[in-house]
PDB file of N, CA and C in Angstrom:
ATOM      1  N   MET A   1     107.135  69.192 221.277  1.00  0.00           N
ATOM      2  CA  MET A   1     108.277  69.118 220.415  1.00  0.00           C
ATOM      3  C   MET A   1     108.480  70.434 219.662  1.00  0.00           C
ATOM      4  N   ALA A   2     107.451  71.128 219.356  1.00  0.00           N
ATOM      5  CA  ALA A   2     107.568  72.392 218.645  1.00  0.00           C
ATOM      6  C   ALA A   2     108.327  73.416 219.480  1.00  0.00           C
ATOM      7  N   ARG A   3     108.170  73.354 220.781  1.00  0.00           N
ATOM      8  CA  ARG A   3     108.879  74.311 221.635  1.00  0.00           C
ATOM      9  C   ARG A   3     110.385  74.117 221.548  1.00  0.00           C
ATOM     10  N   GLY A   4     110.852  72.896 221.473  1.00  0.00           N
ATOM     11  CA  GLY A   4     112.285  72.625 221.364  1.00  0.00           C
ATOM     12  C   GLY A   4     112.863  73.256 220.112  1.00  0.00           C
ATOM     13  N   PHE A   5     112.157  73.113 218.992  1.00  0.00           N
ATOM     14  CA  PHE A   5     112.632  73.704 217.750  1.00  0.00           C
ATOM     15  C   PHE A   5     112.585  75.228 217.833  1.00  0.00           C
ATOM     16  N   GLU A   6     111.550  75.745 218.463  1.00  0.00           N
ATOM     17  CA  GLU A   6     111.398  77.195 218.565  1.00  0.00           C
ATOM     18  C   GLU A   6     112.530  77.804 219.391  1.00  0.00           C
ATOM     19  N   SER A   7     112.844  77.185 220.525  1.00  0.00           N
ATOM     20  CA  SER A   7     113.911  77.743 221.362  1.00  0.00           C
ATOM     21  C   SER A   7     115.264  77.605 220.680  1.00  0.00           C
ATOM     22  N   LYS A   8     115.460  76.542 219.908  1.00  0.00           N
ATOM     23  CA  LYS A   8     116.704  76.374 219.182  1.00  0.00           C
ATOM     24  C   LYS A   8     116.821  77.453 218.105  1.00  0.00           C
ATOM     25  N   SER A   9     115.706  77.768 217.476  1.00  0.00           N
ATOM     26  CA  SER A   9     115.696  78.810 216.460  1.00  0.00           C
ATOM     27  C   SER A   9     116.039  80.161 217.065  1.00  0.00           C
ATOM     28  N   VAL A  10     115.506  80.442 218.229  1.00  0.00           N
ATOM     29  CA  VAL A  10     115.791  81.705 218.902  1.00  0.00           C
ATOM     30  C   VAL A  10     117.277  81.774 219.254  1.00  0.00           C
ATOM     31  N   ALA A  11     117.822  80.677 219.756  1.00  0.00           N
ATOM     32  CA  ALA A  11     119.249  80.650 220.105  1.00  0.00           C
ATOM     33  C   ALA A  11     120.103  80.892 218.860  1.00  0.00           C
ATOM     34  N   ASN A  12     119.729  80.274 217.738  1.00  0.00           N
ATOM     35  CA  ASN A  12     120.475  80.477 216.489  1.00  0.00           C
ATOM     36  C   ASN A  12     120.392  81.933 216.027  1.00  0.00           C
ATOM     37  N   GLN A  13     119.218  82.529 216.165  1.00  0.00           N
ATOM     38  CA  GLN A  13     119.064  83.932 215.768  1.00  0.00           C
ATOM     39  C   GLN A  13     119.920  84.848 216.634  1.00  0.00           C
ATOM     40  N   GLN A  14     120.009  84.544 217.913  1.00  0.00           N
ATOM     41  CA  GLN A  14     120.831  85.357 218.807  1.00  0.00           C
ATOM     42  C   GLN A  14     122.314  85.217 218.456  1.00  0.00           C
ATOM     43  N   GLU A  15     122.744  84.000 218.126  1.00  0.00           N
ATOM     44  CA  GLU A  15     124.134  83.794 217.722  1.00  0.00           C
ATOM     45  C   GLU A  15     124.445  84.554 216.440  1.00  0.00           C
ATOM     46  N   LEU A  16     123.527  84.527 215.492  1.00  0.00           N
ATOM     47  CA  LEU A  16     123.744  85.243 214.239  1.00  0.00           C
ATOM     48  C   LEU A  16     123.783  86.755 214.456  1.00  0.00           C
ATOM     49  N   ALA A  17     122.986  87.245 215.374  1.00  0.00           N
ATOM     50  CA  ALA A  17     122.973  88.679 215.649  1.00  0.00           C
ATOM     51  C   ALA A  17     124.282  89.123 216.285  1.00  0.00           C
ATOM     52  N   ASP A  18     124.895  88.267 217.079  1.00  0.00           N
ATOM     53  CA  ASP A  18     126.157  88.603 217.739  1.00  0.00           C
ATOM     54  C   ASP A  18     127.362  88.410 216.826  1.00  0.00           C
ATOM     55  N   ALA A  19     127.227  87.612 215.791  1.00  0.00           N
ATOM     56  CA  ALA A  19     128.349  87.351 214.884  1.00  0.00           C
ATOM     57  C   ALA A  19     128.650  88.586 214.045  1.00  0.00           C
ATOM     58  N   PRO A  20     129.929  88.857 213.815  1.00  0.00           N
ATOM     59  CA  PRO A  20     130.276  90.028 213.000  1.00  0.00           C
ATOM     60  C   PRO A  20     129.941  89.797 211.536  1.00  0.00           C
ATOM     61  N   PHE A  21     129.450  90.838 210.891  1.00  0.00           N
ATOM     62  CA  PHE A  21     129.160  90.772 209.474  1.00  0.00           C
ATOM     63  C   PHE A  21     130.444  91.050 208.710  1.00  0.00           C
ATOM     64  N   PRO A  22     130.597  90.505 207.519  1.00  0.00           N
ATOM     65  CA  PRO A  22     131.826  90.740 206.755  1.00  0.00           C
ATOM     66  C   PRO A  22     132.086  92.230 206.489  1.00  0.00           C
ATOM     67  N   GLY A  23     131.059  93.011 206.252  1.00  0.00           N
ATOM     68  CA  GLY A  23     131.234  94.419 205.969  1.00  0.00           C
ATOM     69  C   GLY A  23     131.208  95.300 207.199  1.00  0.00           C
ATOM     70  N   ARG A  24     130.913  94.737 208.331  1.00  0.00           N
ATOM     71  CA  ARG A  24     130.771  95.508 209.569  1.00  0.00           C
ATOM     72  C   ARG A  24     132.159  95.800 210.156  1.00  0.00           C
ATOM     73  N   ARG A  25     132.359  97.057 210.525  1.00  0.00           N
ATOM     74  CA  ARG A  25     133.619  97.435 211.162  1.00  0.00           C
ATOM     75  C   ARG A  25     133.610  96.958 212.598  1.00  0.00           C
ATOM     76  N   PRO A  26     134.760  96.526 213.086  1.00  0.00           N
ATOM     77  CA  PRO A  26     134.800  96.117 214.495  1.00  0.00           C
ATOM     78  C   PRO A  26     134.562  97.320 215.402  1.00  0.00           C
ATOM     79  N   GLU A  27     133.983  97.060 216.533  1.00  0.00           N
ATOM     80  CA  GLU A  27     133.707  98.146 217.470  1.00  0.00           C
ATOM     81  C   GLU A  27     135.024  98.708 217.983  1.00  0.00           C
ATOM     82  N   VAL A  28     135.090 100.032 218.044  1.00  0.00           N
ATOM     83  CA  VAL A  28     136.302 100.707 218.493  1.00  0.00           C
ATOM     84  C   VAL A  28     136.036 101.309 219.857  1.00  0.00           C
ATOM     85  N   ASP A  29     137.022 101.208 220.709  1.00  0.00           N
ATOM     86  CA  ASP A  29     136.921 101.741 222.055  1.00  0.00           C
ATOM     87  C   ASP A  29     136.745 103.258 221.991  1.00  0.00           C
ATOM     88  N   PRO A  30     135.684 103.803 222.574  1.00  0.00           N
ATOM     89  CA  PRO A  30     135.467 105.248 222.538  1.00  0.00           C
ATOM     90  C   PRO A  30     136.592 106.039 223.213  1.00  0.00           C
ATOM     91  N   MET A  31     137.209 105.466 224.226  1.00  0.00           N
ATOM     92  CA  MET A  31     138.326 106.144 224.890  1.00  0.00           C
ATOM     93  C   MET A  31     139.520 106.242 223.944  1.00  0.00           C
ATOM     94  N   LEU A  32     139.722 105.207 223.148  1.00  0.00           N
ATOM     95  CA  LEU A  32     140.809 105.217 222.170  1.00  0.00           C
ATOM     96  C   LEU A  32     140.551 106.270 221.099  1.00  0.00           C
ATOM     97  N   LEU A  33     139.317 106.363 220.657  1.00  0.00           N
ATOM     98  CA  LEU A  33     138.959 107.387 219.671  1.00  0.00           C
ATOM     99  C   LEU A  33     139.144 108.788 220.235  1.00  0.00           C
ATOM    100  N   ALA A  34     138.768 108.991 221.482  1.00  0.00           N
ATOM    101  CA  ALA A  34     138.925 110.295 222.113  1.00  0.00           C
ATOM    102  C   ALA A  34     140.402 110.660 222.242  1.00  0.00           C
ATOM    103  N   GLN A  35     141.221 109.679 222.607  1.00  0.00           N
ATOM    104  CA  GLN A  35     142.658 109.930 222.735  1.00  0.00           C
ATOM    105  C   GLN A  35     143.267 110.282 221.381  1.00  0.00           C
ATOM    106  N   ARG A  36     142.863 109.547 220.341  1.00  0.00           N
ATOM    107  CA  ARG A  36     143.367 109.827 218.992  1.00  0.00           C
ATOM    108  C   ARG A  36     142.957 111.235 218.553  1.00  0.00           C
ATOM    109  N   ARG A  37     141.720 111.586 218.797  1.00  0.00           N
ATOM    110  CA  ARG A  37     141.227 112.909 218.400  1.00  0.00           C
ATOM    111  C   ARG A  37     141.979 114.015 219.139  1.00  0.00           C
ATOM    112  N   LYS A  38     142.237 113.788 220.409  1.00  0.00           N
ATOM    113  CA  LYS A  38     142.974 114.760 221.213  1.00  0.00           C
ATOM    114  C   LYS A  38     144.386 114.967 220.649  1.00  0.00           C
ATOM    115  N   LEU A  39     145.039 113.880 220.294  1.00  0.00           N
ATOM    116  CA  LEU A  39     146.379 113.984 219.717  1.00  0.00           C
ATOM    117  C   LEU A  39     146.353 114.680 218.355  1.00  0.00           C
ATOM    118  N   GLU A  40     145.349 114.356 217.544  1.00  0.00           N
ATOM    119  CA  GLU A  40     145.236 114.994 216.226  1.00  0.00           C
ATOM    120  C   GLU A  40     145.001 116.495 216.346  1.00  0.00           C
ATOM    121  N   LEU A  41     144.151 116.886 217.283  1.00  0.00           N
ATOM    122  CA  LEU A  41     143.898 118.314 217.480  1.00  0.00           C
ATOM    123  C   LEU A  41     145.134 119.035 218.006  1.00  0.00           C
ATOM    124  N   GLY A  42     145.837 118.389 218.909  1.00  0.00           N
ATOM    125  CA  GLY A  42     147.073 118.970 219.428  1.00  0.00           C
ATOM    126  C   GLY A  42     148.109 119.133 218.334  1.00  0.00           C
ATOM    127  N   LEU A  43     148.229 118.150 217.468  1.00  0.00           N
ATOM    128  CA  LEU A  43     149.176 118.213 216.358  1.00  0.00           C
ATOM    129  C   LEU A  43     148.810 119.324 215.385  1.00  0.00           C
ATOM    130  N   ALA A  44     147.539 119.461 215.094  1.00  0.00           N
ATOM    131  CA  ALA A  44     147.089 120.534 214.196  1.00  0.00           C
ATOM    132  C   ALA A  44     147.406 121.899 214.807  1.00  0.00           C
ATOM    133  N   ASP A  45     147.215 122.032 216.109  1.00  0.00           N
ATOM    134  CA  ASP A  45     147.511 123.297 216.781  1.00  0.00           C
ATOM    135  C   ASP A  45     149.006 123.608 216.729  1.00  0.00           C
ATOM    136  N   ILE A  46     149.829 122.605 216.994  1.00  0.00           N
ATOM    137  CA  ILE A  46     151.282 122.801 216.954  1.00  0.00           C
ATOM    138  C   ILE A  46     151.722 123.220 215.551  1.00  0.00           C
ATOM    139  N   LYS A  47     151.192 122.567 214.529  1.00  0.00           N
ATOM    140  CA  LYS A  47     151.564 122.910 213.154  1.00  0.00           C
ATOM    141  C   LYS A  47     151.134 124.341 212.814  1.00  0.00           C
ATOM    142  N   ARG A  48     149.979 124.735 213.289  1.00  0.00           N
ATOM    143  CA  ARG A  48     149.503 126.098 213.039  1.00  0.00           C
ATOM    144  C   ARG A  48     150.418 127.110 213.716  1.00  0.00           C
ATOM    145  N   ARG A  49     150.826 126.815 214.947  1.00  0.00           N
ATOM    146  CA  ARG A  49     151.693 127.727 215.677  1.00  0.00           C
ATOM    147  C   ARG A  49     153.108 127.748 215.107  1.00  0.00           C
ATOM    148  N   LEU A  50     153.543 126.635 214.560  1.00  0.00           N
ATOM    149  CA  LEU A  50     154.878 126.548 213.971  1.00  0.00           C
ATOM    150  C   LEU A  50     155.020 127.466 212.763  1.00  0.00           C
ATOM    151  N   VAL A  51     153.943 127.633 212.006  1.00  0.00           N
ATOM    152  CA  VAL A  51     153.965 128.503 210.828  1.00  0.00           C
ATOM    153  C   VAL A  51     154.262 129.950 211.218  1.00  0.00           C
ATOM    154  N   SER A  52     153.716 130.393 212.335  1.00  0.00           N
ATOM    155  CA  SER A  52     153.881 131.794 212.712  1.00  0.00           C
ATOM    156  C   SER A  52     155.015 132.048 213.708  1.00  0.00           C
ATOM    157  N   ALA A  53     155.650 130.990 214.200  1.00  0.00           N
ATOM    158  CA  ALA A  53     156.733 131.160 215.175  1.00  0.00           C
ATOM    159  C   ALA A  53     157.955 131.772 214.501  1.00  0.00           C
ATOM    160  N   GLN A  54     158.581 132.734 215.172  1.00  0.00           N
ATOM    161  CA  GLN A  54     159.734 133.414 214.582  1.00  0.00           C
ATOM    162  C   GLN A  54     161.014 133.195 215.377  1.00  0.00           C
ATOM    163  N   GLN A  55     160.925 132.996 216.653  1.00  0.00           N
ATOM    164  CA  GLN A  55     162.111 132.786 217.483  1.00  0.00           C
ATOM    165  C   GLN A  55     162.623 131.352 217.306  1.00  0.00           C
ATOM    166  N   GLY A  56     163.952 131.225 217.179  1.00  0.00           N
ATOM    167  CA  GLY A  56     164.550 129.910 216.956  1.00  0.00           C
ATOM    168  C   GLY A  56     164.248 128.910 218.054  1.00  0.00           C
ATOM    169  N   GLY A  57     164.359 129.345 219.307  1.00  0.00           N
ATOM    170  CA  GLY A  57     164.083 128.447 220.425  1.00  0.00           C
ATOM    171  C   GLY A  57     162.631 128.005 220.470  1.00  0.00           C
ATOM    172  N   HIS A  58     161.746 128.927 220.165  1.00  0.00           N
ATOM    173  CA  HIS A  58     160.319 128.610 220.161  1.00  0.00           C
ATOM    174  C   HIS A  58     159.998 127.619 219.041  1.00  0.00           C
ATOM    175  N   ARG A  59     160.598 127.836 217.868  1.00  0.00           N
ATOM    176  CA  ARG A  59     160.374 126.922 216.750  1.00  0.00           C
ATOM    177  C   ARG A  59     160.883 125.516 217.089  1.00  0.00           C
ATOM    178  N   GLU A  60     162.040 125.460 217.728  1.00  0.00           N
ATOM    179  CA  GLU A  60     162.610 124.166 218.103  1.00  0.00           C
ATOM    180  C   GLU A  60     161.708 123.438 219.093  1.00  0.00           C
ATOM    181  N   MET A  61     161.185 124.163 220.064  1.00  0.00           N
ATOM    182  CA  MET A  61     160.274 123.566 221.040  1.00  0.00           C
ATOM    183  C   MET A  61     159.027 123.017 220.345  1.00  0.00           C
ATOM    184  N   LEU A  62     158.495 123.786 219.393  1.00  0.00           N
ATOM    185  CA  LEU A  62     157.305 123.342 218.656  1.00  0.00           C
ATOM    186  C   LEU A  62     157.625 122.124 217.791  1.00  0.00           C
ATOM    187  N   ARG A  63     158.798 122.081 217.191  1.00  0.00           N
ATOM    188  CA  ARG A  63     159.178 120.908 216.380  1.00  0.00           C
ATOM    189  C   ARG A  63     159.268 119.657 217.248  1.00  0.00           C
ATOM    190  N   ARG A  64     159.838 119.812 218.427  1.00  0.00           N
ATOM    191  CA  ARG A  64     159.928 118.659 219.341  1.00  0.00           C
ATOM    192  C   ARG A  64     158.537 118.196 219.778  1.00  0.00           C
ATOM    193  N   ALA A  65     157.673 119.142 220.050  1.00  0.00           N
ATOM    194  CA  ALA A  65     156.302 118.791 220.428  1.00  0.00           C
ATOM    195  C   ALA A  65     155.597 118.086 219.262  1.00  0.00           C
ATOM    196  N   GLU A  66     155.833 118.565 218.050  1.00  0.00           N
ATOM    197  CA  GLU A  66     155.241 117.946 216.862  1.00  0.00           C
ATOM    198  C   GLU A  66     155.727 116.505 216.709  1.00  0.00           C
ATOM    199  N   MET A  67     157.027 116.291 216.869  1.00  0.00           N
ATOM    200  CA  MET A  67     157.571 114.930 216.753  1.00  0.00           C
ATOM    201  C   MET A  67     157.010 114.015 217.842  1.00  0.00           C
ATOM    202  N   ALA A  68     156.853 114.529 219.051  1.00  0.00           N
ATOM    203  CA  ALA A  68     156.313 113.719 220.150  1.00  0.00           C
ATOM    204  C   ALA A  68     154.863 113.328 219.887  1.00  0.00           C
ATOM    205  N   LEU A  69     154.078 114.272 219.386  1.00  0.00           N
ATOM    206  CA  LEU A  69     152.667 113.968 219.090  1.00  0.00           C
ATOM    207  C   LEU A  69     152.552 112.969 217.946  1.00  0.00           C
ATOM    208  N   GLU A  70     153.389 113.127 216.926  1.00  0.00           N
ATOM    209  CA  GLU A  70     153.369 112.174 215.810  1.00  0.00           C
ATOM    210  C   GLU A  70     153.762 110.778 216.284  1.00  0.00           C
ATOM    211  N   LYS A  71     154.746 110.699 217.186  1.00  0.00           N
ATOM    212  CA  LYS A  71     155.162 109.421 217.745  1.00  0.00           C
ATOM    213  C   LYS A  71     154.022 108.785 218.531  1.00  0.00           C
ATOM    214  N   ASP A  72     153.333 109.584 219.338  1.00  0.00           N
ATOM    215  CA  ASP A  72     152.200 109.086 220.116  1.00  0.00           C
ATOM    216  C   ASP A  72     151.070 108.599 219.211  1.00  0.00           C
ATOM    217  N   LEU A  73     150.810 109.326 218.146  1.00  0.00           N
ATOM    218  CA  LEU A  73     149.769 108.906 217.198  1.00  0.00           C
ATOM    219  C   LEU A  73     150.143 107.594 216.527  1.00  0.00           C
ATOM    220  N   LYS A  74     151.390 107.460 216.158  1.00  0.00           N
ATOM    221  CA  LYS A  74     151.841 106.227 215.498  1.00  0.00           C
ATOM    222  C   LYS A  74     151.723 105.061 216.464  1.00  0.00           C
ATOM    223  N   ALA A  75     152.075 105.276 217.730  1.00  0.00           N
ATOM    224  CA  ALA A  75     151.986 104.223 218.731  1.00  0.00           C
ATOM    225  C   ALA A  75     150.539 103.821 218.998  1.00  0.00           C
ATOM    226  N   LEU A  76     149.637 104.779 218.855  1.00  0.00           N
ATOM    227  CA  LEU A  76     148.219 104.503 219.076  1.00  0.00           C
ATOM    228  C   LEU A  76     147.637 103.618 217.969  1.00  0.00           C
ATOM    229  N   GLY A  77     148.250 103.726 216.809  1.00  0.00           N
ATOM    230  CA  GLY A  77     147.822 102.865 215.696  1.00  0.00           C
ATOM    231  C   GLY A  77     146.939 103.508 214.779  1.00  0.00           C
TER     232      GLY A  77
END
């Protein structure tokens, strides 16, 4: 009879280990994090280049790229 209680205890411990803790952040997909980081770095680069751009057409192209990256970041969440 002791074995039945022991195995039930082990099962309960495993369930508790798998249950999320109130303070624990949910696991985030590493691919999603990599995509977000890539977009953030691209946006930072565009903003840096926009500061030094002098030609009107070049500035416009950079602004469009900036808006597209911001849109992608917003869609990513």
